[in-house]
Amino acid sequence: MAHEELIRPEELAPVLVRATGDERWHRFSSSLIAGGKSNLTFELESEAGALILRRPPTGDLLPRAHDMGREARIQQALSGTEVPVPDIV
């Protein structure tokens, strides 16, 4: 499966524009970052800069096994502490 099918750029681009407030996210390139053990990780690049996209794997999943919302909430809660975490868009 091509990674474009996994991130669906035509659906993701408007979400990125709304989340960042930057129209330049209408056009971006993507590359799969290999080596992840579970959730898929992509680097997205546009004239606006670069972002990392994380998403659950495809296929049958156990409920809550790959809860990306939980991952984001934990990272947001750690923001501003001594624990290094990325900004969540």
Protein backbone atom coordinates (compact mmCIF):
# COMPACT_ATOMS: atom_id res chain seq x y z
CA MET A 1 0.00 0.00 0.00
CA ALA A 2 1.45 3.37 -1.02
CA HIS A 3 1.84 5.76 1.87
CA GLU A 4 -0.36 8.33 0.08
CA GLU A 5 -3.25 5.93 0.66
CA LEU A 6 -2.40 5.89 4.37
CA ILE A 7 -2.40 9.68 4.83
CA ARG A 8 -4.93 10.68 2.13
CA PRO A 9 -3.41 14.09 1.21
CA GLU A 10 -6.67 15.39 -0.29
CA GLU A 11 -8.36 14.95 3.11
CA LEU A 12 -5.37 15.84 5.28
CA ALA A 13 -4.40 19.11 3.55
CA PRO A 14 -7.53 21.08 4.60
CA VAL A 15 -7.11 19.79 8.17
CA LEU A 16 -3.50 20.96 8.23
CA VAL A 17 -4.48 24.38 6.89
CA ARG A 18 -7.14 24.77 9.61
CA ALA A 19 -4.86 23.48 12.37
CA THR A 20 -1.89 25.66 11.44
CA GLY A 21 -3.67 28.67 9.94
CA ASP A 22 -1.25 28.44 7.01
CA GLU A 23 -2.58 28.02 3.46
CA ARG A 24 0.78 26.64 2.31
CA TRP A 25 -0.23 23.27 3.80
CA HIS A 26 -2.60 22.75 0.83
CA ARG A 27 0.45 21.33 -0.97
CA PHE A 28 2.89 19.07 0.84
CA SER A 29 5.10 16.07 0.32
CA SER A 30 5.28 13.10 2.62
CA SER A 31 7.70 10.33 3.46
CA LEU A 32 7.32 7.33 5.71
CA ILE A 33 9.81 7.23 8.56
CA ALA A 34 10.89 3.61 8.85
CA GLY A 35 11.71 1.84 12.07
CA GLY A 36 8.54 2.48 14.03
CA LYS A 37 7.38 -0.50 16.02
CA SER A 38 3.65 0.15 16.07
CA ASN A 39 2.08 3.44 14.98
CA LEU A 40 3.03 4.77 11.55
CA THR A 41 5.13 7.95 11.43
CA PHE A 42 5.42 10.30 8.45
CA GLU A 43 7.35 13.49 7.79
CA LEU A 44 5.26 16.10 5.99
CA GLU A 45 7.00 19.02 4.26
CA SER A 46 5.63 22.13 2.61
CA GLU A 47 6.72 25.72 2.02
CA ALA A 48 5.35 26.32 5.55
CA GLY A 49 7.88 23.94 7.13
CA ALA A 50 7.82 20.38 8.38
CA LEU A 51 5.49 18.38 10.61
CA ILE A 52 5.48 14.82 11.88
CA LEU A 53 2.25 12.85 11.41
CA ARG A 54 1.54 9.82 13.58
CA ARG A 55 -1.30 7.44 12.87
CA PRO A 56 -2.41 3.96 13.90
CA PRO A 57 -1.48 1.02 11.69
CA THR A 58 -3.97 -0.39 9.23
CA GLY A 59 -5.93 -3.58 9.77
CA ASP A 60 -7.82 -5.00 12.70
CA LEU A 61 -6.89 -3.29 15.96
CA LEU A 62 -7.79 -3.98 19.54
CA PRO A 63 -9.89 -1.19 21.05
CA ARG A 64 -7.66 1.58 22.41
CA ALA A 65 -4.50 -0.30 21.41
CA HIS A 66 -3.27 2.58 19.25
CA ASP A 67 -5.01 5.58 20.83
CA MET A 68 -3.36 8.56 19.13
CA GLY A 69 -5.62 10.95 21.07
CA ARG A 70 -4.24 9.58 24.33
CA GLU A 71 -0.68 10.00 23.04
CA ALA A 72 -1.38 13.64 22.12
CA ARG A 73 -3.07 14.39 25.48
CA ILE A 74 -0.11 13.02 27.41
CA GLN A 75 2.36 15.04 25.35
CA GLN A 76 0.26 18.21 25.76
CA ALA A 77 0.11 17.62 29.53
CA LEU A 78 3.91 17.33 29.64
CA SER A 79 4.40 20.54 27.63
CA GLY A 80 6.04 23.19 29.78
CA THR A 81 7.67 20.62 32.06
CA GLU A 82 11.27 19.39 31.99
CA VAL A 83 10.18 16.46 29.79
CA PRO A 84 11.00 17.25 26.13
CA VAL A 85 7.90 16.82 23.96
CA PRO A 86 6.98 18.21 20.53
CA ASP A 87 4.29 20.82 19.96
CA ILE A 88 1.02 19.15 19.03
CA VAL A 89 -0.80 20.61 16.00
